[in-house]
N, C-alpha and C. Protein backbone atom coordinates (compact mmCIF):
# COMPACT_ATOMS: atom_id res chain seq x y z
N MET A 1 32.83 -34.77 -77.83
CA MET A 1 32.03 -35.27 -78.93
C MET A 1 30.82 -34.38 -79.16
N VAL A 2 30.33 -33.77 -78.09
CA VAL A 2 29.17 -32.89 -78.22
C VAL A 2 29.49 -31.69 -79.09
N ASP A 3 30.74 -31.18 -79.01
CA ASP A 3 31.12 -30.01 -79.77
C ASP A 3 31.13 -30.28 -81.27
N GLU A 4 31.19 -31.56 -81.67
CA GLU A 4 31.25 -31.89 -83.09
C GLU A 4 29.88 -32.16 -83.69
N ILE A 5 28.82 -32.06 -82.90
CA ILE A 5 27.48 -32.30 -83.42
C ILE A 5 27.09 -31.18 -84.37
N GLN A 6 26.63 -31.53 -85.56
CA GLN A 6 26.23 -30.53 -86.53
C GLN A 6 24.79 -30.11 -86.28
N PRO A 7 24.47 -28.85 -86.53
CA PRO A 7 23.10 -28.39 -86.28
C PRO A 7 22.09 -29.08 -87.18
N ILE A 8 20.92 -29.36 -86.64
CA ILE A 8 19.85 -30.01 -87.39
C ILE A 8 18.75 -28.98 -87.66
N LYS A 9 18.34 -28.88 -88.91
CA LYS A 9 17.32 -27.90 -89.28
C LYS A 9 16.12 -28.64 -89.85
N PRO A 10 14.91 -28.07 -89.67
CA PRO A 10 13.71 -28.75 -90.17
C PRO A 10 13.59 -28.75 -91.68
N ASP A 11 14.27 -27.80 -92.36
CA ASP A 11 14.18 -27.72 -93.81
C ASP A 11 14.86 -28.93 -94.43
N PRO A 12 14.17 -29.75 -95.23
CA PRO A 12 14.81 -30.94 -95.81
C PRO A 12 15.97 -30.60 -96.72
N ASP A 13 15.91 -29.44 -97.40
CA ASP A 13 17.02 -29.05 -98.26
C ASP A 13 18.28 -28.83 -97.46
N ASP A 14 18.14 -28.18 -96.29
CA ASP A 14 19.29 -27.96 -95.43
C ASP A 14 19.85 -29.28 -94.93
N SER A 15 18.98 -30.23 -94.59
CA SER A 15 19.44 -31.53 -94.10
C SER A 15 20.21 -32.27 -95.18
N SER A 16 19.70 -32.21 -96.43
CA SER A 16 20.38 -32.89 -97.52
C SER A 16 21.75 -32.28 -97.77
N ARG A 17 21.81 -30.94 -97.70
CA ARG A 17 23.08 -30.27 -97.93
C ARG A 17 24.08 -30.63 -96.84
N MET A 18 23.60 -30.76 -95.60
CA MET A 18 24.48 -31.13 -94.50
C MET A 18 25.07 -32.51 -94.74
N VAL A 19 24.26 -33.46 -95.19
CA VAL A 19 24.74 -34.81 -95.45
C VAL A 19 25.71 -34.82 -96.61
N ASP A 20 25.40 -34.06 -97.68
CA ASP A 20 26.28 -34.02 -98.85
C ASP A 20 27.64 -33.45 -98.49
N GLU A 21 27.67 -32.40 -97.65
CA GLU A 21 28.94 -31.81 -97.27
C GLU A 21 29.76 -32.79 -96.44
N SER A 22 29.09 -33.56 -95.58
CA SER A 22 29.80 -34.54 -94.76
C SER A 22 30.38 -35.64 -95.63
N LEU A 23 29.61 -36.08 -96.63
CA LEU A 23 30.11 -37.12 -97.52
C LEU A 23 31.27 -36.61 -98.35
N ALA A 24 31.20 -35.35 -98.77
CA ALA A 24 32.28 -34.79 -99.57
C ALA A 24 33.56 -34.69 -98.78
N SER A 25 33.45 -34.28 -97.51
CA SER A 25 34.64 -34.14 -96.69
C SER A 25 35.26 -35.48 -96.34
N SER A 26 34.47 -36.56 -96.41
CA SER A 26 34.99 -37.87 -96.02
C SER A 26 35.79 -38.53 -97.13
N GLU A 27 35.79 -37.96 -98.33
CA GLU A 27 36.48 -38.58 -99.44
C GLU A 27 37.94 -38.20 -99.52
N SER A 28 38.40 -37.30 -98.65
CA SER A 28 39.78 -36.86 -98.70
C SER A 28 40.70 -37.99 -98.29
N GLY A 29 41.80 -38.17 -99.05
CA GLY A 29 42.77 -39.22 -98.74
C GLY A 29 43.68 -38.78 -97.63
N ALA A 30 44.65 -39.64 -97.26
CA ALA A 30 45.56 -39.33 -96.17
C ALA A 30 46.91 -39.98 -96.44
N SER A 31 47.98 -39.16 -96.39
CA SER A 31 49.33 -39.66 -96.57
C SER A 31 50.18 -39.43 -95.34
N ASP A 32 49.76 -38.56 -94.42
CA ASP A 32 50.48 -38.35 -93.17
C ASP A 32 49.48 -37.93 -92.11
N ASP A 33 49.98 -37.61 -90.91
CA ASP A 33 49.08 -37.27 -89.81
C ASP A 33 48.24 -36.04 -90.10
N ALA A 34 48.81 -35.06 -90.80
CA ALA A 34 48.06 -33.84 -91.11
C ALA A 34 46.89 -34.14 -92.03
N ASP A 35 47.11 -35.07 -92.99
CA ASP A 35 46.04 -35.41 -93.92
C ASP A 35 44.94 -36.22 -93.25
N LEU A 36 45.24 -36.87 -92.14
CA LEU A 36 44.24 -37.70 -91.47
C LEU A 36 43.23 -36.88 -90.69
N ARG A 37 43.59 -35.66 -90.32
CA ARG A 37 42.71 -34.86 -89.45
C ARG A 37 41.34 -34.60 -90.07
N PRO A 38 41.23 -34.10 -91.32
CA PRO A 38 39.88 -33.87 -91.86
C PRO A 38 39.09 -35.14 -92.09
N ALA A 39 39.77 -36.29 -92.22
CA ALA A 39 39.07 -37.54 -92.48
C ALA A 39 38.42 -38.12 -91.23
N LYS A 40 38.66 -37.52 -90.07
CA LYS A 40 38.08 -38.04 -88.83
C LYS A 40 36.59 -37.74 -88.73
N THR A 41 36.08 -36.82 -89.55
CA THR A 41 34.66 -36.51 -89.52
C THR A 41 33.86 -37.75 -89.91
N PRO A 42 32.88 -38.16 -89.12
CA PRO A 42 32.12 -39.37 -89.46
C PRO A 42 31.45 -39.26 -90.82
N ARG A 43 31.47 -40.35 -91.56
CA ARG A 43 30.79 -40.40 -92.84
C ARG A 43 29.32 -40.69 -92.59
N ILE A 44 28.44 -39.97 -93.25
CA ILE A 44 27.00 -40.09 -93.04
C ILE A 44 26.35 -40.62 -94.31
N LYS A 45 25.60 -41.69 -94.17
CA LYS A 45 24.83 -42.25 -95.27
C LYS A 45 23.36 -42.28 -94.89
N VAL A 46 22.51 -41.86 -95.81
CA VAL A 46 21.06 -41.90 -95.60
C VAL A 46 20.46 -42.86 -96.62
N ILE A 47 19.92 -43.98 -96.15
CA ILE A 47 19.30 -44.98 -97.02
C ILE A 47 17.89 -45.25 -96.50
N ASP A 48 16.90 -44.91 -97.32
CA ASP A 48 15.50 -45.04 -96.91
C ASP A 48 15.29 -44.28 -95.60
N ASN A 49 14.87 -44.98 -94.56
CA ASN A 49 14.62 -44.34 -93.26
C ASN A 49 15.72 -44.64 -92.24
N PHE A 50 16.92 -44.89 -92.73
CA PHE A 50 18.03 -45.21 -91.84
C PHE A 50 19.19 -44.25 -92.09
N ILE A 51 19.88 -43.91 -91.02
CA ILE A 51 21.08 -43.07 -91.09
C ILE A 51 22.25 -43.90 -90.57
N PHE A 52 23.31 -43.97 -91.36
CA PHE A 52 24.50 -44.74 -91.00
C PHE A 52 25.67 -43.78 -90.77
N LEU A 53 26.36 -43.97 -89.66
CA LEU A 53 27.56 -43.19 -89.34
C LEU A 53 28.73 -44.14 -89.14
N ASP A 54 29.84 -43.86 -89.83
CA ASP A 54 31.04 -44.67 -89.62
C ASP A 54 32.27 -43.81 -89.93
N GLN A 55 33.43 -44.36 -89.63
CA GLN A 55 34.71 -43.72 -89.93
C GLN A 55 35.59 -44.65 -90.75
N GLN A 56 34.98 -45.36 -91.68
CA GLN A 56 35.71 -46.32 -92.48
C GLN A 56 36.82 -45.65 -93.29
N HIS A 57 36.55 -44.46 -93.82
CA HIS A 57 37.56 -43.76 -94.61
C HIS A 57 38.79 -43.43 -93.78
N PHE A 58 38.56 -42.99 -92.53
CA PHE A 58 39.68 -42.66 -91.65
C PHE A 58 40.45 -43.92 -91.24
N THR A 59 39.72 -44.98 -90.91
CA THR A 59 40.36 -46.23 -90.50
C THR A 59 41.17 -46.83 -91.64
N LYS A 60 40.62 -46.82 -92.84
CA LYS A 60 41.33 -47.36 -94.00
C LYS A 60 42.59 -46.57 -94.29
N ALA A 61 42.50 -45.24 -94.20
CA ALA A 61 43.68 -44.40 -94.45
C ALA A 61 44.76 -44.65 -93.40
N LEU A 62 44.35 -44.85 -92.16
CA LEU A 62 45.32 -45.10 -91.09
C LEU A 62 46.02 -46.44 -91.29
N ILE A 63 45.26 -47.46 -91.68
CA ILE A 63 45.84 -48.78 -91.92
C ILE A 63 46.81 -48.74 -93.09
N GLU A 64 46.45 -48.03 -94.16
CA GLU A 64 47.33 -47.91 -95.31
C GLU A 64 48.58 -47.10 -94.98
N LEU A 65 48.45 -46.12 -94.10
CA LEU A 65 49.58 -45.28 -93.73
C LEU A 65 50.70 -46.10 -93.10
N TYR A 66 50.33 -47.12 -92.34
CA TYR A 66 51.32 -47.96 -91.66
C TYR A 66 51.52 -49.30 -92.35
N GLY A 67 51.01 -49.45 -93.58
CA GLY A 67 51.25 -50.65 -94.36
C GLY A 67 50.69 -51.92 -93.75
N MET A 68 49.50 -51.82 -93.14
CA MET A 68 48.90 -52.98 -92.46
C MET A 68 47.69 -53.52 -93.20
N GLU A 69 47.61 -53.27 -94.52
CA GLU A 69 46.43 -53.71 -95.27
C GLU A 69 46.29 -55.23 -95.29
N LYS A 70 47.41 -55.95 -95.32
CA LYS A 70 47.37 -57.41 -95.43
C LYS A 70 47.62 -58.11 -94.10
N CYS A 71 47.49 -57.38 -92.99
CA CYS A 71 47.74 -57.98 -91.69
C CYS A 71 46.60 -58.93 -91.32
N LYS A 72 46.86 -59.82 -90.39
CA LYS A 72 45.84 -60.75 -89.91
C LYS A 72 44.89 -60.02 -88.97
N PRO A 73 43.60 -59.92 -89.31
CA PRO A 73 42.65 -59.19 -88.45
C PRO A 73 42.48 -59.86 -87.09
N LEU A 74 42.18 -59.05 -86.08
CA LEU A 74 41.92 -59.53 -84.73
C LEU A 74 40.52 -59.10 -84.30
N VAL A 75 39.91 -59.85 -83.40
CA VAL A 75 38.52 -59.58 -83.00
C VAL A 75 38.43 -58.83 -81.68
N THR A 76 39.54 -58.58 -81.00
CA THR A 76 39.52 -57.84 -79.74
C THR A 76 40.47 -56.65 -79.83
N PRO A 77 40.10 -55.48 -79.29
CA PRO A 77 40.97 -54.29 -79.37
C PRO A 77 42.22 -54.39 -78.50
N LEU A 78 42.21 -55.24 -77.48
CA LEU A 78 43.35 -55.43 -76.60
C LEU A 78 43.62 -56.93 -76.45
N PRO A 79 44.85 -57.30 -76.12
CA PRO A 79 45.14 -58.72 -75.89
C PRO A 79 44.27 -59.28 -74.77
N PRO A 80 43.95 -60.56 -74.81
CA PRO A 80 43.15 -61.17 -73.73
C PRO A 80 43.80 -60.99 -72.37
N GLN A 81 42.97 -60.93 -71.32
CA GLN A 81 43.42 -60.79 -69.93
C GLN A 81 44.05 -59.43 -69.66
N THR A 82 43.74 -58.42 -70.48
CA THR A 82 44.25 -57.07 -70.25
C THR A 82 43.27 -56.32 -69.36
N HIS A 83 43.75 -55.69 -68.29
CA HIS A 83 42.90 -54.95 -67.36
C HIS A 83 43.16 -53.45 -67.54
N LEU A 84 42.08 -52.69 -67.71
CA LEU A 84 42.19 -51.25 -67.89
C LEU A 84 42.27 -50.56 -66.54
N VAL A 85 43.15 -49.56 -66.45
CA VAL A 85 43.31 -48.79 -65.22
C VAL A 85 43.18 -47.31 -65.57
N PRO A 86 42.20 -46.57 -65.02
CA PRO A 86 42.06 -45.15 -65.33
C PRO A 86 43.22 -44.34 -64.79
N ALA A 87 43.60 -43.30 -65.52
CA ALA A 87 44.72 -42.46 -65.11
C ALA A 87 44.31 -41.53 -63.97
N SER A 88 45.24 -41.26 -63.08
CA SER A 88 45.01 -40.31 -61.99
C SER A 88 45.30 -38.90 -62.48
N GLU A 89 45.01 -37.90 -61.65
CA GLU A 89 45.28 -36.52 -62.02
C GLU A 89 46.77 -36.31 -62.26
N GLU A 90 47.60 -36.95 -61.46
CA GLU A 90 49.05 -36.82 -61.64
C GLU A 90 49.48 -37.43 -62.97
N ASP A 91 48.87 -38.54 -63.33
CA ASP A 91 49.20 -39.16 -64.61
C ASP A 91 48.79 -38.26 -65.76
N LEU A 92 47.62 -37.62 -65.65
CA LEU A 92 47.15 -36.75 -66.71
C LEU A 92 48.05 -35.54 -66.88
N SER A 93 48.59 -35.00 -65.79
CA SER A 93 49.47 -33.84 -65.87
C SER A 93 50.78 -34.17 -66.56
N LYS A 94 51.17 -35.42 -66.51
CA LYS A 94 52.43 -35.83 -67.13
C LYS A 94 52.21 -36.43 -68.52
N PHE A 95 50.97 -36.42 -68.98
CA PHE A 95 50.66 -37.08 -70.25
C PHE A 95 51.44 -36.47 -71.41
N LYS A 96 51.54 -35.13 -71.44
CA LYS A 96 52.23 -34.47 -72.53
C LYS A 96 53.74 -34.71 -72.52
N GLU A 97 54.25 -35.15 -71.38
CA GLU A 97 55.68 -35.40 -71.28
C GLU A 97 56.07 -36.78 -71.81
N LEU A 98 55.08 -37.61 -72.08
CA LEU A 98 55.37 -38.95 -72.57
C LEU A 98 55.83 -38.89 -74.02
N ASN A 99 56.73 -39.78 -74.38
CA ASN A 99 57.30 -39.79 -75.73
C ASN A 99 57.03 -41.10 -76.45
N PHE A 100 55.92 -41.76 -76.06
CA PHE A 100 55.66 -43.06 -76.66
C PHE A 100 55.36 -42.94 -78.16
N LEU A 101 54.75 -41.82 -78.58
CA LEU A 101 54.42 -41.68 -79.99
C LEU A 101 55.67 -41.44 -80.83
N GLU A 102 56.59 -40.61 -80.33
CA GLU A 102 57.81 -40.32 -81.07
C GLU A 102 58.87 -41.40 -80.91
N ASN A 103 58.92 -42.00 -79.73
CA ASN A 103 59.94 -43.01 -79.46
C ASN A 103 59.32 -44.16 -78.66
N PRO A 104 58.44 -44.92 -79.28
CA PRO A 104 57.72 -45.96 -78.54
C PRO A 104 58.63 -47.14 -78.19
N GLY A 105 58.33 -47.76 -77.07
CA GLY A 105 59.02 -48.99 -76.72
C GLY A 105 58.40 -50.17 -77.45
N ILE A 106 58.99 -51.34 -77.28
CA ILE A 106 58.48 -52.53 -77.97
C ILE A 106 57.05 -52.83 -77.55
N GLN A 107 56.76 -52.72 -76.25
CA GLN A 107 55.42 -53.02 -75.76
C GLN A 107 54.40 -52.01 -76.30
N ASN A 108 54.78 -50.73 -76.34
CA ASN A 108 53.87 -49.71 -76.87
C ASN A 108 53.60 -49.93 -78.35
N TRP A 109 54.63 -50.24 -79.11
CA TRP A 109 54.48 -50.43 -80.55
C TRP A 109 53.64 -51.67 -80.85
N ASN A 110 53.87 -52.75 -80.11
CA ASN A 110 53.08 -53.96 -80.32
C ASN A 110 51.61 -53.73 -80.00
N GLY A 111 51.35 -52.93 -78.96
CA GLY A 111 49.97 -52.59 -78.64
C GLY A 111 49.30 -51.78 -79.74
N PHE A 112 50.06 -50.88 -80.35
CA PHE A 112 49.53 -50.07 -81.45
C PHE A 112 49.22 -50.95 -82.66
N LEU A 113 50.13 -51.88 -82.99
CA LEU A 113 49.89 -52.78 -84.11
C LEU A 113 48.69 -53.69 -83.84
N HIS A 114 48.51 -54.10 -82.60
CA HIS A 114 47.34 -54.91 -82.24
C HIS A 114 46.06 -54.12 -82.49
N ALA A 115 46.06 -52.84 -82.13
CA ALA A 115 44.87 -52.01 -82.35
C ALA A 115 44.58 -51.86 -83.84
N LEU A 116 45.63 -51.71 -84.67
CA LEU A 116 45.42 -51.60 -86.11
C LEU A 116 44.83 -52.88 -86.69
N LYS A 117 45.27 -54.02 -86.19
CA LYS A 117 44.72 -55.29 -86.67
C LYS A 117 43.24 -55.42 -86.29
N TYR A 118 42.90 -54.91 -85.12
CA TYR A 118 41.49 -54.92 -84.71
C TYR A 118 40.67 -53.98 -85.60
N LEU A 119 41.21 -52.80 -85.90
CA LEU A 119 40.50 -51.86 -86.77
C LEU A 119 40.34 -52.43 -88.17
N ASN A 120 41.32 -53.20 -88.63
CA ASN A 120 41.22 -53.81 -89.94
C ASN A 120 40.06 -54.81 -90.00
N GLN A 121 39.75 -55.41 -88.87
CA GLN A 121 38.64 -56.36 -88.79
C GLN A 121 37.29 -55.66 -88.68
N THR A 122 37.25 -54.48 -88.09
CA THR A 122 35.97 -53.83 -87.75
C THR A 122 35.77 -52.49 -88.46
N GLN A 123 36.52 -52.21 -89.52
CA GLN A 123 36.42 -50.89 -90.15
C GLN A 123 35.07 -50.64 -90.80
N ASN A 124 34.30 -51.68 -91.06
CA ASN A 124 32.97 -51.50 -91.66
C ASN A 124 31.88 -51.27 -90.63
N MET A 125 32.22 -51.34 -89.36
CA MET A 125 31.22 -51.15 -88.31
C MET A 125 30.93 -49.67 -88.09
N GLY A 126 29.71 -49.38 -87.62
CA GLY A 126 29.34 -48.00 -87.35
C GLY A 126 28.04 -47.95 -86.55
N LEU A 127 27.45 -46.78 -86.50
CA LEU A 127 26.19 -46.57 -85.79
C LEU A 127 25.04 -46.49 -86.79
N VAL A 128 23.90 -47.08 -86.43
CA VAL A 128 22.72 -47.08 -87.28
C VAL A 128 21.56 -46.44 -86.53
N TYR A 129 20.93 -45.46 -87.15
CA TYR A 129 19.79 -44.77 -86.55
C TYR A 129 18.58 -44.93 -87.47
N SER A 130 17.46 -45.36 -86.88
CA SER A 130 16.25 -45.60 -87.64
C SER A 130 15.22 -44.52 -87.37
N CYS A 131 14.47 -44.17 -88.42
CA CYS A 131 13.39 -43.19 -88.29
C CYS A 131 12.03 -43.87 -88.15
N GLU A 132 12.00 -45.19 -88.16
CA GLU A 132 10.74 -45.91 -88.15
C GLU A 132 10.26 -46.26 -86.75
N SER A 133 11.17 -46.41 -85.82
CA SER A 133 10.78 -46.84 -84.47
C SER A 133 10.09 -45.71 -83.71
N LYS A 134 9.13 -46.08 -82.88
CA LYS A 134 8.43 -45.13 -82.02
C LYS A 134 8.58 -45.53 -80.56
N GLU A 135 9.67 -46.14 -80.24
CA GLU A 135 9.85 -46.69 -78.90
C GLU A 135 10.15 -45.62 -77.87
N GLY A 136 10.73 -44.50 -78.26
CA GLY A 136 11.07 -43.44 -77.32
C GLY A 136 12.37 -43.72 -76.60
N ILE A 137 12.50 -43.20 -75.38
CA ILE A 137 13.73 -43.31 -74.61
C ILE A 137 13.67 -44.53 -73.70
N ARG A 138 14.71 -45.36 -73.76
CA ARG A 138 14.84 -46.51 -72.87
C ARG A 138 16.21 -46.43 -72.20
N VAL A 139 16.23 -46.75 -70.91
CA VAL A 139 17.46 -46.59 -70.11
C VAL A 139 17.80 -47.90 -69.41
N TYR A 140 19.06 -48.26 -69.47
CA TYR A 140 19.56 -49.47 -68.80
C TYR A 140 20.78 -49.10 -67.96
N SER A 141 20.82 -49.59 -66.73
CA SER A 141 21.92 -49.27 -65.83
C SER A 141 22.33 -50.51 -65.04
N ASN A 142 23.62 -50.63 -64.78
CA ASN A 142 24.12 -51.75 -63.99
C ASN A 142 25.40 -51.31 -63.29
N THR A 143 25.60 -51.82 -62.08
CA THR A 143 26.78 -51.47 -61.30
C THR A 143 27.42 -52.75 -60.76
N ASP A 144 28.71 -52.87 -61.00
CA ASP A 144 29.46 -54.02 -60.52
C ASP A 144 30.28 -53.59 -59.31
N ARG A 145 29.84 -53.97 -58.12
CA ARG A 145 30.51 -53.52 -56.90
C ARG A 145 31.84 -54.23 -56.70
N VAL A 146 32.84 -53.46 -56.24
CA VAL A 146 34.19 -53.95 -55.96
C VAL A 146 34.73 -54.71 -57.17
N ASN A 147 34.58 -54.10 -58.34
CA ASN A 147 35.08 -54.74 -59.55
C ASN A 147 36.61 -54.77 -59.57
N CYS A 148 37.23 -53.70 -59.07
CA CYS A 148 38.69 -53.63 -59.03
C CYS A 148 39.18 -54.18 -57.68
N GLN A 149 39.93 -55.25 -57.72
CA GLN A 149 40.41 -55.87 -56.49
C GLN A 149 41.54 -55.07 -55.84
N GLU A 150 42.20 -54.20 -56.60
CA GLU A 150 43.29 -53.41 -56.04
C GLU A 150 42.79 -52.17 -55.31
N THR A 151 41.83 -51.46 -55.90
CA THR A 151 41.32 -50.22 -55.30
C THR A 151 39.99 -50.42 -54.58
N ARG A 152 39.34 -51.58 -54.78
CA ARG A 152 38.04 -51.88 -54.17
C ARG A 152 36.94 -50.93 -54.65
N ARG A 153 37.13 -50.35 -55.81
CA ARG A 153 36.12 -49.43 -56.33
C ARG A 153 35.18 -50.16 -57.29
N SER A 154 33.96 -49.65 -57.37
CA SER A 154 32.93 -50.24 -58.23
C SER A 154 32.98 -49.61 -59.62
N VAL A 155 32.27 -50.23 -60.54
CA VAL A 155 32.23 -49.77 -61.92
C VAL A 155 30.81 -49.36 -62.28
N THR A 156 30.67 -48.14 -62.80
CA THR A 156 29.39 -47.62 -63.27
C THR A 156 29.22 -47.97 -64.74
N GLY A 157 28.05 -48.47 -65.10
CA GLY A 157 27.76 -48.76 -66.49
C GLY A 157 26.30 -48.46 -66.82
N PHE A 158 26.07 -47.71 -67.90
CA PHE A 158 24.69 -47.45 -68.33
C PHE A 158 24.68 -47.13 -69.81
N LEU A 159 23.50 -47.27 -70.41
CA LEU A 159 23.30 -46.89 -71.80
C LEU A 159 21.88 -46.38 -71.98
N VAL A 160 21.71 -45.49 -72.95
CA VAL A 160 20.41 -44.89 -73.25
C VAL A 160 20.15 -45.06 -74.74
N THR A 161 18.97 -45.56 -75.08
CA THR A 161 18.58 -45.69 -76.48
C THR A 161 17.39 -44.77 -76.76
N PHE A 162 17.34 -44.26 -77.97
CA PHE A 162 16.24 -43.41 -78.41
C PHE A 162 15.77 -43.93 -79.76
N GLU A 163 14.51 -44.32 -79.83
CA GLU A 163 13.96 -44.95 -81.03
C GLU A 163 14.79 -46.18 -81.43
N GLN A 164 15.17 -46.97 -80.42
CA GLN A 164 15.95 -48.21 -80.59
C GLN A 164 17.36 -47.96 -81.11
N SER A 165 17.86 -46.73 -80.99
CA SER A 165 19.22 -46.41 -81.42
C SER A 165 20.03 -45.95 -80.22
N LEU A 166 21.24 -46.44 -80.10
CA LEU A 166 22.11 -46.10 -78.98
C LEU A 166 22.59 -44.66 -79.11
N VAL A 167 22.35 -43.84 -78.08
CA VAL A 167 22.75 -42.44 -78.12
C VAL A 167 23.69 -42.05 -76.99
N ILE A 168 23.61 -42.72 -75.85
CA ILE A 168 24.48 -42.42 -74.70
C ILE A 168 24.94 -43.74 -74.09
N TRP A 169 26.23 -43.84 -73.79
CA TRP A 169 26.73 -45.03 -73.12
C TRP A 169 27.96 -44.65 -72.30
N LYS A 170 28.17 -45.39 -71.22
CA LYS A 170 29.30 -45.10 -70.34
C LYS A 170 29.62 -46.32 -69.48
N THR A 171 30.89 -46.61 -69.32
CA THR A 171 31.36 -47.59 -68.34
C THR A 171 32.67 -47.06 -67.77
N ARG A 172 32.68 -46.83 -66.46
CA ARG A 172 33.84 -46.19 -65.83
C ARG A 172 33.91 -46.56 -64.36
N LYS A 173 35.13 -46.66 -63.88
CA LYS A 173 35.33 -46.95 -62.46
C LYS A 173 34.93 -45.73 -61.63
N GLN A 174 34.21 -45.95 -60.55
CA GLN A 174 33.76 -44.86 -59.69
C GLN A 174 34.94 -44.24 -58.94
N PRO A 175 34.91 -42.93 -58.68
CA PRO A 175 36.06 -42.25 -58.06
C PRO A 175 36.30 -42.61 -56.61
N THR A 176 35.27 -43.11 -55.91
CA THR A 176 35.42 -43.44 -54.49
C THR A 176 34.93 -44.86 -54.22
N VAL A 177 35.31 -45.40 -53.06
CA VAL A 177 34.92 -46.75 -52.67
C VAL A 177 33.52 -46.72 -52.05
N SER A 178 32.67 -47.63 -52.47
CA SER A 178 31.31 -47.74 -51.93
C SER A 178 31.26 -48.84 -50.88
N ILE A 179 30.58 -48.56 -49.76
CA ILE A 179 30.53 -49.52 -48.66
C ILE A 179 29.44 -50.57 -48.86
N SER A 180 28.60 -50.38 -49.87
CA SER A 180 27.54 -51.35 -50.14
C SER A 180 27.15 -51.28 -51.61
N THR A 181 26.42 -52.30 -52.05
CA THR A 181 25.96 -52.32 -53.43
C THR A 181 24.98 -51.19 -53.70
N SER A 182 24.12 -50.89 -52.73
CA SER A 182 23.14 -49.81 -52.91
C SER A 182 23.83 -48.47 -53.08
N LYS A 183 24.93 -48.24 -52.34
CA LYS A 183 25.68 -47.00 -52.49
C LYS A 183 26.29 -46.90 -53.89
N ALA A 184 26.83 -48.00 -54.37
CA ALA A 184 27.42 -48.00 -55.71
C ALA A 184 26.36 -47.75 -56.78
N GLU A 185 25.18 -48.34 -56.62
CA GLU A 185 24.10 -48.13 -57.57
C GLU A 185 23.59 -46.70 -57.51
N TYR A 186 23.57 -46.11 -56.32
CA TYR A 186 23.13 -44.72 -56.18
C TYR A 186 24.07 -43.78 -56.93
N LYS A 187 25.37 -44.01 -56.82
CA LYS A 187 26.34 -43.18 -57.54
C LYS A 187 26.14 -43.31 -59.05
N ALA A 188 25.90 -44.54 -59.51
CA ALA A 188 25.69 -44.75 -60.94
C ALA A 188 24.43 -44.03 -61.41
N LEU A 189 23.37 -44.07 -60.61
CA LEU A 189 22.13 -43.40 -60.99
C LEU A 189 22.29 -41.88 -61.02
N CYS A 190 23.15 -41.34 -60.16
CA CYS A 190 23.41 -39.90 -60.18
C CYS A 190 24.06 -39.49 -61.50
N ASP A 191 25.06 -40.26 -61.93
CA ASP A 191 25.71 -39.97 -63.21
C ASP A 191 24.72 -40.13 -64.36
N LEU A 192 23.91 -41.17 -64.30
CA LEU A 192 22.92 -41.42 -65.35
C LEU A 192 21.90 -40.29 -65.42
N THR A 193 21.42 -39.83 -64.28
CA THR A 193 20.43 -38.75 -64.25
C THR A 193 20.97 -37.48 -64.86
N SER A 194 22.24 -37.18 -64.60
CA SER A 194 22.85 -35.98 -65.17
C SER A 194 22.88 -36.06 -66.70
N GLU A 195 23.31 -37.19 -67.23
CA GLU A 195 23.36 -37.36 -68.69
C GLU A 195 21.96 -37.35 -69.29
N LEU A 196 21.02 -38.01 -68.62
CA LEU A 196 19.67 -38.13 -69.14
C LEU A 196 18.94 -36.78 -69.13
N SER A 197 19.19 -35.97 -68.12
CA SER A 197 18.56 -34.64 -68.06
C SER A 197 18.99 -33.78 -69.23
N TRP A 198 20.30 -33.83 -69.53
CA TRP A 198 20.79 -33.05 -70.67
C TRP A 198 20.17 -33.55 -71.97
N PHE A 199 20.09 -34.87 -72.16
CA PHE A 199 19.57 -35.42 -73.41
C PHE A 199 18.09 -35.11 -73.57
N CYS A 200 17.31 -35.22 -72.50
CA CYS A 200 15.88 -34.92 -72.58
C CYS A 200 15.64 -33.45 -72.93
N GLN A 201 16.45 -32.56 -72.36
CA GLN A 201 16.33 -31.14 -72.68
C GLN A 201 16.68 -30.89 -74.14
N TRP A 202 17.71 -31.58 -74.63
CA TRP A 202 18.10 -31.43 -76.03
C TRP A 202 16.99 -31.91 -76.96
N CYS A 203 16.36 -33.06 -76.62
CA CYS A 203 15.25 -33.57 -77.42
C CYS A 203 14.07 -32.60 -77.42
N LEU A 204 13.83 -31.97 -76.28
CA LEU A 204 12.73 -31.02 -76.18
C LEU A 204 12.99 -29.79 -77.05
N GLU A 205 14.21 -29.30 -77.05
CA GLU A 205 14.55 -28.12 -77.85
C GLU A 205 14.49 -28.43 -79.34
N CYS A 206 14.76 -29.69 -79.71
CA CYS A 206 14.74 -30.08 -81.12
C CYS A 206 13.38 -30.66 -81.54
N SER A 207 12.41 -30.62 -80.63
CA SER A 207 11.05 -31.14 -80.90
C SER A 207 11.08 -32.61 -81.30
N LEU A 208 11.96 -33.37 -80.68
CA LEU A 208 12.06 -34.80 -80.97
C LEU A 208 11.24 -35.65 -80.01
N ASN A 209 11.02 -35.14 -78.81
CA ASN A 209 10.27 -35.91 -77.83
C ASN A 209 9.59 -34.95 -76.86
N ASN A 210 8.28 -34.90 -76.89
CA ASN A 210 7.52 -34.01 -76.01
C ASN A 210 6.82 -34.76 -74.88
N ASN A 211 7.24 -35.97 -74.63
CA ASN A 211 6.63 -36.81 -73.60
C ASN A 211 7.20 -36.43 -72.23
N ASP A 212 6.33 -36.02 -71.31
CA ASP A 212 6.76 -35.61 -69.97
C ASP A 212 6.66 -36.74 -68.95
N GLU A 213 6.35 -37.95 -69.39
CA GLU A 213 6.21 -39.06 -68.46
C GLU A 213 7.57 -39.47 -67.90
N ALA A 214 7.53 -40.10 -66.73
CA ALA A 214 8.76 -40.57 -66.10
C ALA A 214 9.40 -41.67 -66.95
N ILE A 215 10.72 -41.70 -66.95
CA ILE A 215 11.46 -42.68 -67.75
C ILE A 215 11.96 -43.79 -66.82
N PRO A 216 11.49 -45.02 -66.99
CA PRO A 216 11.96 -46.11 -66.11
C PRO A 216 13.39 -46.50 -66.44
N VAL A 217 14.10 -46.94 -65.42
CA VAL A 217 15.48 -47.41 -65.58
C VAL A 217 15.49 -48.92 -65.37
N HIS A 218 15.99 -49.64 -66.33
CA HIS A 218 16.00 -51.11 -66.27
C HIS A 218 17.34 -51.60 -65.74
């Protein structure tokens, strides 16, 4: 996702042109998978002091492609009581050998249709960034020890907001088993510190935040 970030320039004319180009690219329709690729670029709207990012054009084109415009919307992306399991290195190496997209089974196809129904319900959702807040960087972190009963591994979860806007978030099962809650929290803080260091450096280079004070973690 970092590779898709567009450069930000201080010249307001350049910023306006960047937004106009993004809006122009988002108007392209889609009739097959090839046509959907350029529509994946987030649509950017600037209203007063707010910036809105969404992929409504891409979601709508995808729903129309599979004839799901009149389907019953769903409020959850997965069926209830579904447990997520991260793939291992061996699973990742075999990922390209899977043929679920070309020849999906009944369970795979039903899961895909469920996701489309969820997207039909939430296609208007997106990210909102405000230019009015002066709150700065706020960090929240939480660790759920032994969340997975099968592997006994804990789950790392954190999010970072800047000017009351969500900029970094993560929830993932830790790669190793922690013998205590403090160990699990320490691992989560290490991941958080790595992400936060990169973001603070990026803000400094873009002259967005020159505050050198310590950032508390809630």
